[in-house]
Amino acid sequence: MSSGAGARARAEVRTAAHHAEANPVFETLARAGFVADGIVHVLIGVLAIVVAFGGDGETDQSGALLAIAGAPLGFVVLWLAALALAALGVWQILDGILVRRDSQPRKWGARLIEWAKAAVFFALAIFAAAVAVGARPDPDGSVQDASRGVLFVPGGPLVLGLVGVAIGAGGIGFAVIGLARRFVRLLDLPSGRAGTVVTVLAVVGYVAKGLALLTVGVLLVVAAIKVDPGDAGGLDAALDGLIALPLGPFVCGGIGVGLIAYGVFLALSARYRRL
């Protein structure tokens, strides 16, 4: 393909992406995706608090989605959430393609970040749809099975350790975004007290989410060092590990409060996010 034809193809892709994002129905669905993601985080936070102080439950996406499924017409809510989350995933793909808010092409690193977000939203959409049709997923078991498959191949422990380091680094990145308030550039915040409340929710939420991801990353690194997939796990296993530490229930409860704050912030993002 010539350079001119390649340029025309890229221009056509950007034009199609612009037209898609200009569709008001699509934008509404994408904004609803933030609400759906927020509800999931609020429920995870509530479950974390319950478990921290002696209750029973799964403190991860599975537990949150199963809680929704158990509510009246929960399967309808799950299907709507799956649709909205998938729409938000498509939006993130388009956001990675388009040049937004400046006249310079985005660096590939920034594009990949947007597409990684899309992958997360697609995964959660599939998760919600699976629970809606009666599936009972086990994220911790899936992580352990995947870790087992990685650990017992040449170089597997190193690969799993690097994955754990990457997830932990992502958690640190979340905390930095919150403390540095980098999220503000993505929002049209209201003035006065309302804007302050949204900002505080975001800071607390980003830090809590970051700590949760860091704990998951540590579990994977420990599993890699010990070459034991039983030490690996998702968020539920990570919070269980925290509870076993001195003052662990209070730390786990604090993360739960922070995840609730993050969920409320995500729901408010449906109103204030620049799309």
C-alpha atoms as a PDB file:
ATOM      1  CA  MET A   1       0.000   0.000   0.000  1.00  0.00           C
ATOM      2  CA  SER A   2       1.374   3.410  -0.942  1.00  0.00           C
ATOM      3  CA  SER A   3       1.873   6.120   1.631  1.00  0.00           C
ATOM      4  CA  GLY A   4      -0.935   8.144   0.039  1.00  0.00           C
ATOM      5  CA  ALA A   5      -3.368   5.231   0.175  1.00  0.00           C
ATOM      6  CA  GLY A   6      -2.358   4.538   3.776  1.00  0.00           C
ATOM      7  CA  ALA A   7      -2.987   8.147   4.728  1.00  0.00           C
ATOM      8  CA  ARG A   8      -6.410   8.063   3.064  1.00  0.00           C
ATOM      9  CA  ALA A   9      -7.275   4.832   4.887  1.00  0.00           C
ATOM     10  CA  ARG A  10      -6.276   6.346   8.235  1.00  0.00           C
ATOM     11  CA  ALA A  11      -8.320   9.454   7.465  1.00  0.00           C
ATOM     12  CA  GLU A  12     -11.342   7.316   6.645  1.00  0.00           C
ATOM     13  CA  VAL A  13     -10.984   5.390   9.902  1.00  0.00           C
ATOM     14  CA  ARG A  14     -10.783   8.641  11.892  1.00  0.00           C
ATOM     15  CA  THR A  15     -13.805  10.035  10.053  1.00  0.00           C
ATOM     16  CA  ALA A  16     -15.833   6.908  10.807  1.00  0.00           C
ATOM     17  CA  ALA A  17     -14.754   7.090  14.449  1.00  0.00           C
ATOM     18  CA  HIS A  18     -15.800  10.759  14.655  1.00  0.00           C
ATOM     19  CA  HIS A  19     -19.206   9.948  13.177  1.00  0.00           C
ATOM     20  CA  ALA A  20     -19.694   7.093  15.647  1.00  0.00           C
ATOM     21  CA  GLU A  21     -18.822   9.252  18.643  1.00  0.00           C
ATOM     22  CA  ALA A  22     -21.141  11.987  17.394  1.00  0.00           C
ATOM     23  CA  ASN A  23     -24.110   9.618  17.682  1.00  0.00           C
ATOM     24  CA  PRO A  24     -26.109  10.738  20.769  1.00  0.00           C
ATOM     25  CA  VAL A  25     -27.479   7.251  21.453  1.00  0.00           C
ATOM     26  CA  PHE A  26     -23.977   5.792  21.418  1.00  0.00           C
ATOM     27  CA  GLU A  27     -22.718   8.551  23.721  1.00  0.00           C
ATOM     28  CA  THR A  28     -25.585   7.909  26.142  1.00  0.00           C
ATOM     29  CA  LEU A  29     -24.781   4.195  26.225  1.00  0.00           C
ATOM     30  CA  ALA A  30     -21.093   4.932  26.802  1.00  0.00           C
ATOM     31  CA  ARG A  31     -21.924   7.260  29.691  1.00  0.00           C
ATOM     32  CA  ALA A  32     -24.201   4.571  31.112  1.00  0.00           C
ATOM     33  CA  GLY A  33     -21.140   2.315  31.095  1.00  0.00           C
ATOM     34  CA  PHE A  34     -19.560   4.544  33.746  1.00  0.00           C
ATOM     35  CA  VAL A  35     -22.688   4.129  35.883  1.00  0.00           C
ATOM     36  CA  ALA A  36     -22.578   0.337  35.477  1.00  0.00           C
ATOM     37  CA  ASP A  37     -18.886   0.232  36.377  1.00  0.00           C
ATOM     38  CA  GLY A  38     -19.591   2.478  39.342  1.00  0.00           C
ATOM     39  CA  ILE A  39     -22.345   0.219  40.653  1.00  0.00           C
ATOM     40  CA  VAL A  40     -20.020  -2.785  40.462  1.00  0.00           C
ATOM     41  CA  HIS A  41     -17.320  -0.944  42.426  1.00  0.00           C
ATOM     42  CA  VAL A  42     -19.811   0.216  45.067  1.00  0.00           C
ATOM     43  CA  LEU A  43     -21.000  -3.353  45.579  1.00  0.00           C
ATOM     44  CA  ILE A  44     -17.424  -4.655  45.775  1.00  0.00           C
ATOM     45  CA  GLY A  45     -16.701  -1.993  48.378  1.00  0.00           C
ATOM     46  CA  VAL A  46     -19.763  -2.973  50.433  1.00  0.00           C
ATOM     47  CA  LEU A  47     -18.802  -6.656  50.242  1.00  0.00           C
ATOM     48  CA  ALA A  48     -15.238  -5.812  51.301  1.00  0.00           C
ATOM     49  CA  ILE A  49     -16.521  -4.013  54.399  1.00  0.00           C
ATOM     50  CA  VAL A  50     -18.855  -6.910  55.236  1.00  0.00           C
ATOM     51  CA  VAL A  51     -16.076  -9.487  54.879  1.00  0.00           C
ATOM     52  CA  ALA A  52     -13.567  -7.328  56.767  1.00  0.00           C
ATOM     53  CA  PHE A  53     -15.694  -7.500  59.884  1.00  0.00           C
ATOM     54  CA  GLY A  54     -16.630 -11.166  59.848  1.00  0.00           C
ATOM     55  CA  GLY A  55     -19.242 -11.482  57.111  1.00  0.00           C
ATOM     56  CA  ASP A  56     -19.209 -13.800  54.120  1.00  0.00           C
ATOM     57  CA  GLY A  57     -19.057 -12.951  50.443  1.00  0.00           C
ATOM     58  CA  GLU A  58     -16.912 -12.672  47.324  1.00  0.00           C
ATOM     59  CA  THR A  59     -15.163  -9.308  47.274  1.00  0.00           C
ATOM     60  CA  ASP A  60     -14.655  -9.064  43.526  1.00  0.00           C
ATOM     61  CA  GLN A  61     -16.570  -8.476  40.291  1.00  0.00           C
ATOM     62  CA  SER A  62     -18.114 -11.936  40.553  1.00  0.00           C
ATOM     63  CA  GLY A  63     -19.539 -11.217  43.994  1.00  0.00           C
ATOM     64  CA  ALA A  64     -20.884  -7.837  42.880  1.00  0.00           C
ATOM     65  CA  LEU A  65     -22.534  -9.226  39.743  1.00  0.00           C
ATOM     66  CA  LEU A  66     -24.007 -12.162  41.655  1.00  0.00           C
ATOM     67  CA  ALA A  67     -25.483  -9.682  44.127  1.00  0.00           C
ATOM     68  CA  ILE A  68     -27.157  -7.879  41.233  1.00  0.00           C
ATOM     69  CA  ALA A  69     -28.369 -11.194  39.803  1.00  0.00           C
ATOM     70  CA  GLY A  70     -30.062 -11.990  43.118  1.00  0.00           C
ATOM     71  CA  ALA A  71     -32.115  -8.795  43.070  1.00  0.00           C
ATOM     72  CA  PRO A  72     -35.596  -8.600  41.496  1.00  0.00           C
ATOM     73  CA  LEU A  73     -35.169  -8.343  37.705  1.00  0.00           C
ATOM     74  CA  GLY A  74     -31.439  -8.588  38.314  1.00  0.00           C
ATOM     75  CA  PHE A  75     -30.833 -10.400  35.030  1.00  0.00           C
ATOM     76  CA  VAL A  76     -32.359  -7.436  33.180  1.00  0.00           C
ATOM     77  CA  VAL A  77     -30.033  -5.051  34.991  1.00  0.00           C
ATOM     78  CA  LEU A  78     -27.085  -7.295  34.128  1.00  0.00           C
ATOM     79  CA  TRP A  79     -27.939  -7.323  30.418  1.00  0.00           C
ATOM     80  CA  LEU A  80     -28.309  -3.538  30.424  1.00  0.00           C
ATOM     81  CA  ALA A  81     -24.974  -3.248  32.256  1.00  0.00           C
ATOM     82  CA  ALA A  82     -23.318  -5.568  29.728  1.00  0.00           C
ATOM     83  CA  LEU A  83     -24.624  -3.453  26.836  1.00  0.00           C
ATOM     84  CA  ALA A  84     -23.479  -0.200  28.441  1.00  0.00           C
ATOM     85  CA  LEU A  85     -20.040  -1.562  29.348  1.00  0.00           C
ATOM     86  CA  ALA A  86     -19.537  -2.913  25.830  1.00  0.00           C
ATOM     87  CA  ALA A  87     -20.487   0.501  24.431  1.00  0.00           C
ATOM     88  CA  LEU A  88     -17.964   2.146  26.739  1.00  0.00           C
ATOM     89  CA  GLY A  89     -15.351  -0.335  25.550  1.00  0.00           C
ATOM     90  CA  VAL A  90     -16.032   0.596  21.926  1.00  0.00           C
ATOM     91  CA  TRP A  91     -15.830   4.262  22.895  1.00  0.00           C
ATOM     92  CA  GLN A  92     -12.385   3.720  24.427  1.00  0.00           C
ATOM     93  CA  ILE A  93     -11.218   2.063  21.202  1.00  0.00           C
ATOM     94  CA  LEU A  94     -12.410   5.053  19.213  1.00  0.00           C
ATOM     95  CA  ASP A  95     -10.834   7.389  21.764  1.00  0.00           C
ATOM     96  CA  GLY A  96      -7.501   5.674  21.131  1.00  0.00           C
ATOM     97  CA  ILE A  97      -7.880   6.153  17.377  1.00  0.00           C
ATOM     98  CA  LEU A  98      -8.923   9.776  17.385  1.00  0.00           C
ATOM     99  CA  VAL A  99      -6.873  12.887  18.015  1.00  0.00           C
ATOM    100  CA  ARG A 100      -8.664  14.520  20.922  1.00  0.00           C
ATOM    101  CA  ARG A 101      -8.377  17.874  22.667  1.00  0.00           C
ATOM    102  CA  ASP A 102      -5.221  18.875  20.806  1.00  0.00           C
ATOM    103  CA  SER A 103      -3.860  19.118  17.285  1.00  0.00           C
ATOM    104  CA  GLN A 104      -1.061  16.577  17.691  1.00  0.00           C
ATOM    105  CA  PRO A 105      -1.369  12.839  17.042  1.00  0.00           C
ATOM    106  CA  ARG A 106      -1.430  10.787  20.191  1.00  0.00           C
ATOM    107  CA  LYS A 107       1.606   8.761  21.043  1.00  0.00           C
ATOM    108  CA  TRP A 108       1.189   5.014  20.703  1.00  0.00           C
ATOM    109  CA  GLY A 109       1.636   4.616  24.455  1.00  0.00           C
ATOM    110  CA  ALA A 110      -1.454   6.724  25.073  1.00  0.00           C
ATOM    111  CA  ARG A 111      -3.383   4.806  22.420  1.00  0.00           C
ATOM    112  CA  LEU A 112      -2.491   1.495  24.044  1.00  0.00           C
ATOM    113  CA  ILE A 113      -3.678   2.767  27.424  1.00  0.00           C
ATOM    114  CA  GLU A 114      -7.080   3.597  25.921  1.00  0.00           C
ATOM    115  CA  TRP A 115      -7.279   0.182  24.276  1.00  0.00           C
ATOM    116  CA  ALA A 116      -6.273  -1.535  27.509  1.00  0.00           C
ATOM    117  CA  LYS A 117      -9.193   0.241  29.197  1.00  0.00           C
ATOM    118  CA  ALA A 118     -11.429  -1.010  26.401  1.00  0.00           C
ATOM    119  CA  ALA A 119     -10.294  -4.577  27.075  1.00  0.00           C
ATOM    120  CA  VAL A 120     -11.217  -4.198  30.756  1.00  0.00           C
ATOM    121  CA  PHE A 121     -14.696  -2.902  29.899  1.00  0.00           C
ATOM    122  CA  PHE A 122     -15.253  -5.678  27.351  1.00  0.00           C
ATOM    123  CA  ALA A 123     -14.188  -8.286  29.904  1.00  0.00           C
ATOM    124  CA  LEU A 124     -16.584  -6.882  32.498  1.00  0.00           C
ATOM    125  CA  ALA A 125     -19.384  -6.781  29.894  1.00  0.00           C
ATOM    126  CA  ILE A 126     -18.794 -10.465  29.076  1.00  0.00           C
ATOM    127  CA  PHE A 127     -18.691 -11.228  32.792  1.00  0.00           C
ATOM    128  CA  ALA A 128     -22.049  -9.478  33.343  1.00  0.00           C
ATOM    129  CA  ALA A 129     -23.648 -11.288  30.393  1.00  0.00           C
ATOM    130  CA  ALA A 130     -22.337 -14.636  31.641  1.00  0.00           C
ATOM    131  CA  VAL A 131     -23.817 -14.085  35.109  1.00  0.00           C
ATOM    132  CA  ALA A 132     -27.093 -12.957  33.507  1.00  0.00           C
ATOM    133  CA  VAL A 133     -27.461 -16.367  31.826  1.00  0.00           C
ATOM    134  CA  GLY A 134     -26.692 -18.239  35.025  1.00  0.00           C
ATOM    135  CA  ALA A 135     -22.907 -18.668  35.079  1.00  0.00           C
ATOM    136  CA  ARG A 136     -21.101 -18.594  38.419  1.00  0.00           C
ATOM    137  CA  PRO A 137     -17.551 -17.503  37.562  1.00  0.00           C
ATOM    138  CA  ASP A 138     -14.624 -18.001  39.935  1.00  0.00           C
ATOM    139  CA  PRO A 139     -12.022 -15.267  39.295  1.00  0.00           C
ATOM    140  CA  ASP A 140      -9.603 -16.540  41.948  1.00  0.00           C
ATOM    141  CA  GLY A 141      -9.758 -20.049  40.526  1.00  0.00           C
ATOM    142  CA  SER A 142      -9.240 -18.696  37.021  1.00  0.00           C
ATOM    143  CA  VAL A 143      -6.181 -16.716  38.129  1.00  0.00           C
ATOM    144  CA  GLN A 144      -4.756 -19.778  39.865  1.00  0.00           C
ATOM    145  CA  ASP A 145      -5.390 -21.976  36.810  1.00  0.00           C
ATOM    146  CA  ALA A 146      -3.742 -19.418  34.536  1.00  0.00           C
ATOM    147  CA  SER A 147      -0.821 -19.082  36.962  1.00  0.00           C
ATOM    148  CA  ARG A 148      -0.422 -22.851  37.072  1.00  0.00           C
ATOM    149  CA  GLY A 149      -0.244 -22.933  33.285  1.00  0.00           C
ATOM    150  CA  VAL A 150       2.397 -20.206  33.245  1.00  0.00           C
ATOM    151  CA  LEU A 151       4.530 -21.370  36.174  1.00  0.00           C
ATOM    152  CA  PHE A 152       5.367 -24.802  34.853  1.00  0.00           C
ATOM    153  CA  VAL A 153       6.777 -23.779  31.493  1.00  0.00           C
ATOM    154  CA  PRO A 154      10.375 -22.605  30.937  1.00  0.00           C
ATOM    155  CA  GLY A 155      10.696 -19.049  32.211  1.00  0.00           C
ATOM    156  CA  GLY A 156       7.140 -19.172  33.566  1.00  0.00           C
ATOM    157  CA  PRO A 157       7.919 -17.877  37.081  1.00  0.00           C
ATOM    158  CA  LEU A 158       9.688 -14.874  35.561  1.00  0.00           C
ATOM    159  CA  VAL A 159       6.714 -14.146  33.285  1.00  0.00           C
ATOM    160  CA  LEU A 160       4.239 -14.431  36.164  1.00  0.00           C
ATOM    161  CA  GLY A 161       6.464 -12.241  38.339  1.00  0.00           C
ATOM    162  CA  LEU A 162       6.597  -9.596  35.626  1.00  0.00           C
ATOM    163  CA  VAL A 163       2.810  -9.695  35.295  1.00  0.00           C
ATOM    164  CA  GLY A 164       2.541  -9.188  39.041  1.00  0.00           C
ATOM    165  CA  VAL A 165       4.989  -6.285  38.909  1.00  0.00           C
ATOM    166  CA  ALA A 166       3.000  -4.733  36.037  1.00  0.00           C
ATOM    167  CA  ILE A 167      -0.274  -5.005  37.973  1.00  0.00           C
ATOM    168  CA  GLY A 168       1.386  -3.595  41.083  1.00  0.00           C
ATOM    169  CA  ALA A 169       2.825  -0.744  39.034  1.00  0.00           C
ATOM    170  CA  GLY A 170      -0.650  -0.105  37.653  1.00  0.00           C
ATOM    171  CA  GLY A 171      -1.920   0.110  41.216  1.00  0.00           C
ATOM    172  CA  ILE A 172       0.758   2.644  42.091  1.00  0.00           C
ATOM    173  CA  GLY A 173      -0.190   4.533  38.944  1.00  0.00           C
ATOM    174  CA  PHE A 174      -3.821   4.654  40.069  1.00  0.00           C
ATOM    175  CA  ALA A 175      -2.786   6.112  43.418  1.00  0.00           C
ATOM    176  CA  VAL A 176      -0.551   8.700  41.727  1.00  0.00           C
ATOM    177  CA  ILE A 177      -3.365   9.737  39.377  1.00  0.00           C
ATOM    178  CA  GLY A 178      -5.600  10.280  42.381  1.00  0.00           C
ATOM    179  CA  LEU A 179      -3.110  12.112  44.582  1.00  0.00           C
ATOM    180  CA  ALA A 180      -1.909  14.299  41.696  1.00  0.00           C
ATOM    181  CA  ARG A 181      -5.526  14.864  40.595  1.00  0.00           C
ATOM    182  CA  ARG A 182      -4.683  14.067  36.999  1.00  0.00           C
ATOM    183  CA  PHE A 183      -8.264  12.936  36.458  1.00  0.00           C
ATOM    184  CA  VAL A 184      -9.423  16.551  36.565  1.00  0.00           C
ATOM    185  CA  ARG A 185      -8.387  17.178  32.957  1.00  0.00           C
ATOM    186  CA  LEU A 186     -10.893  14.541  31.837  1.00  0.00           C
ATOM    187  CA  LEU A 187     -13.831  16.193  33.588  1.00  0.00           C
ATOM    188  CA  ASP A 188     -15.995  19.287  33.347  1.00  0.00           C
ATOM    189  CA  LEU A 189     -16.319  19.725  37.085  1.00  0.00           C
ATOM    190  CA  PRO A 190     -19.014  21.950  38.577  1.00  0.00           C
ATOM    191  CA  SER A 191     -17.875  24.908  40.637  1.00  0.00           C
ATOM    192  CA  GLY A 192     -18.161  25.193  44.387  1.00  0.00           C
ATOM    193  CA  ARG A 193     -18.920  22.436  46.856  1.00  0.00           C
ATOM    194  CA  ALA A 194     -20.183  19.968  44.245  1.00  0.00           C
ATOM    195  CA  GLY A 195     -16.859  20.049  42.416  1.00  0.00           C
ATOM    196  CA  THR A 196     -14.983  19.598  45.685  1.00  0.00           C
ATOM    197  CA  VAL A 197     -17.077  16.556  46.604  1.00  0.00           C
ATOM    198  CA  VAL A 198     -16.440  14.919  43.224  1.00  0.00           C
ATOM    199  CA  THR A 199     -12.711  15.611  43.557  1.00  0.00           C
ATOM    200  CA  VAL A 200     -12.492  14.157  47.074  1.00  0.00           C
ATOM    201  CA  LEU A 201     -14.402  11.041  46.008  1.00  0.00           C
ATOM    202  CA  ALA A 202     -12.024  10.594  43.087  1.00  0.00           C
ATOM    203  CA  VAL A 203      -8.847  11.014  45.159  1.00  0.00           C
ATOM    204  CA  VAL A 204      -9.997   8.554  47.831  1.00  0.00           C
ATOM    205  CA  GLY A 205     -11.272   6.138  45.203  1.00  0.00           C
ATOM    206  CA  TYR A 206      -8.157   6.157  43.036  1.00  0.00           C
ATOM    207  CA  VAL A 207      -5.921   5.535  46.051  1.00  0.00           C
ATOM    208  CA  ALA A 208      -8.098   2.646  47.275  1.00  0.00           C
ATOM    209  CA  LYS A 209      -8.270   1.099  43.807  1.00  0.00           C
ATOM    210  CA  GLY A 210      -4.513   1.461  43.521  1.00  0.00           C
ATOM    211  CA  LEU A 211      -3.922  -0.272  46.854  1.00  0.00           C
ATOM    212  CA  ALA A 212      -6.219  -3.135  45.835  1.00  0.00           C
ATOM    213  CA  LEU A 213      -4.361  -3.630  42.535  1.00  0.00           C
ATOM    214  CA  LEU A 214      -1.006  -3.426  44.296  1.00  0.00           C
ATOM    215  CA  THR A 215      -2.092  -6.217  46.643  1.00  0.00           C
ATOM    216  CA  VAL A 216      -3.145  -8.411  43.702  1.00  0.00           C
ATOM    217  CA  GLY A 217       0.237  -7.773  42.086  1.00  0.00           C
ATOM    218  CA  VAL A 218       2.054  -8.755  45.275  1.00  0.00           C
ATOM    219  CA  LEU A 219       0.137 -12.053  45.362  1.00  0.00           C
ATOM    220  CA  LEU A 220       1.285 -12.892  41.840  1.00  0.00           C
ATOM    221  CA  VAL A 221       4.901 -12.012  42.633  1.00  0.00           C
ATOM    222  CA  VAL A 222       4.785 -14.225  45.744  1.00  0.00           C
ATOM    223  CA  ALA A 223       3.298 -17.052  43.670  1.00  0.00           C
ATOM    224  CA  ALA A 224       6.104 -16.626  41.132  1.00  0.00           C
ATOM    225  CA  ILE A 225       8.833 -16.633  43.786  1.00  0.00           C
ATOM    226  CA  LYS A 226       7.421 -19.684  45.564  1.00  0.00           C
ATOM    227  CA  VAL A 227       6.419 -21.346  42.256  1.00  0.00           C
ATOM    228  CA  ASP A 228       3.056 -22.040  43.877  1.00  0.00           C
ATOM    229  CA  PRO A 229      -0.114 -21.104  41.930  1.00  0.00           C
ATOM    230  CA  GLY A 230      -2.091 -21.498  45.149  1.00  0.00           C
ATOM    231  CA  ASP A 231      -0.648 -18.169  46.312  1.00  0.00           C
ATOM    232  CA  ALA A 232      -2.025 -16.360  43.264  1.00  0.00           C
ATOM    233  CA  GLY A 233      -5.500 -14.887  43.130  1.00  0.00           C
ATOM    234  CA  GLY A 234      -7.669 -11.962  42.251  1.00  0.00           C
ATOM    235  CA  LEU A 235      -9.108  -9.188  44.385  1.00  0.00           C
ATOM    236  CA  ASP A 236     -11.034 -11.567  46.643  1.00  0.00           C
ATOM    237  CA  ALA A 237      -7.858 -13.478  47.548  1.00  0.00           C
ATOM    238  CA  ALA A 238      -5.927 -10.229  47.943  1.00  0.00           C
ATOM    239  CA  LEU A 239      -8.396  -8.839  50.471  1.00  0.00           C
ATOM    240  CA  ASP A 240      -8.504 -12.168  52.303  1.00  0.00           C
ATOM    241  CA  GLY A 241      -4.724 -11.930  52.598  1.00  0.00           C
ATOM    242  CA  LEU A 242      -4.955  -8.409  53.984  1.00  0.00           C
ATOM    243  CA  ILE A 243      -7.522  -9.446  56.592  1.00  0.00           C
ATOM    244  CA  ALA A 244      -5.046 -11.967  58.015  1.00  0.00           C
ATOM    245  CA  LEU A 245      -2.510  -9.207  58.779  1.00  0.00           C
ATOM    246  CA  PRO A 246      -2.399  -7.114  61.970  1.00  0.00           C
ATOM    247  CA  LEU A 247      -5.050  -4.406  61.622  1.00  0.00           C
ATOM    248  CA  GLY A 248      -5.914  -6.140  58.356  1.00  0.00           C
ATOM    249  CA  PRO A 249      -9.701  -5.921  58.818  1.00  0.00           C
ATOM    250  CA  PHE A 250      -9.430  -2.157  59.196  1.00  0.00           C
ATOM    251  CA  VAL A 251      -7.225  -1.890  56.107  1.00  0.00           C
ATOM    252  CA  CYS A 252      -9.641  -4.076  54.147  1.00  0.00           C
ATOM    253  CA  GLY A 253     -12.579  -2.038  55.427  1.00  0.00           C
ATOM    254  CA  GLY A 254     -10.787   1.168  54.433  1.00  0.00           C
ATOM    255  CA  ILE A 255     -10.251  -0.179  50.933  1.00  0.00           C
ATOM    256  CA  GLY A 256     -13.943  -1.039  50.845  1.00  0.00           C
ATOM    257  CA  VAL A 257     -14.883   2.534  51.756  1.00  0.00           C
ATOM    258  CA  GLY A 258     -12.483   3.802  49.100  1.00  0.00           C
ATOM    259  CA  LEU A 259     -13.958   1.500  46.449  1.00  0.00           C
ATOM    260  CA  ILE A 260     -17.421   2.801  47.309  1.00  0.00           C
ATOM    261  CA  ALA A 261     -16.089   6.334  46.835  1.00  0.00           C
ATOM    262  CA  TYR A 262     -14.539   5.306  43.522  1.00  0.00           C
ATOM    263  CA  GLY A 263     -17.814   3.756  42.396  1.00  0.00           C
ATOM    264  CA  VAL A 264     -19.754   6.908  43.225  1.00  0.00           C
ATOM    265  CA  PHE A 265     -17.137   8.945  41.351  1.00  0.00           C
ATOM    266  CA  LEU A 266     -17.493   6.676  38.304  1.00  0.00           C
ATOM    267  CA  ALA A 267     -21.275   7.089  38.366  1.00  0.00           C
ATOM    268  CA  LEU A 268     -20.856  10.870  38.549  1.00  0.00           C
ATOM    269  CA  SER A 269     -18.394  10.622  35.655  1.00  0.00           C
ATOM    270  CA  ALA A 270     -21.372   9.773  33.461  1.00  0.00           C
ATOM    271  CA  ARG A 271     -22.401  13.389  33.966  1.00  0.00           C
ATOM    272  CA  TYR A 272     -19.079  15.196  34.117  1.00  0.00           C
ATOM    273  CA  ARG A 273     -16.735  13.173  31.886  1.00  0.00           C
ATOM    274  CA  ARG A 274     -15.635  14.815  28.641  1.00  0.00           C
ATOM    275  CA  LEU A 275     -16.536  12.463  25.808  1.00  0.00           C
END
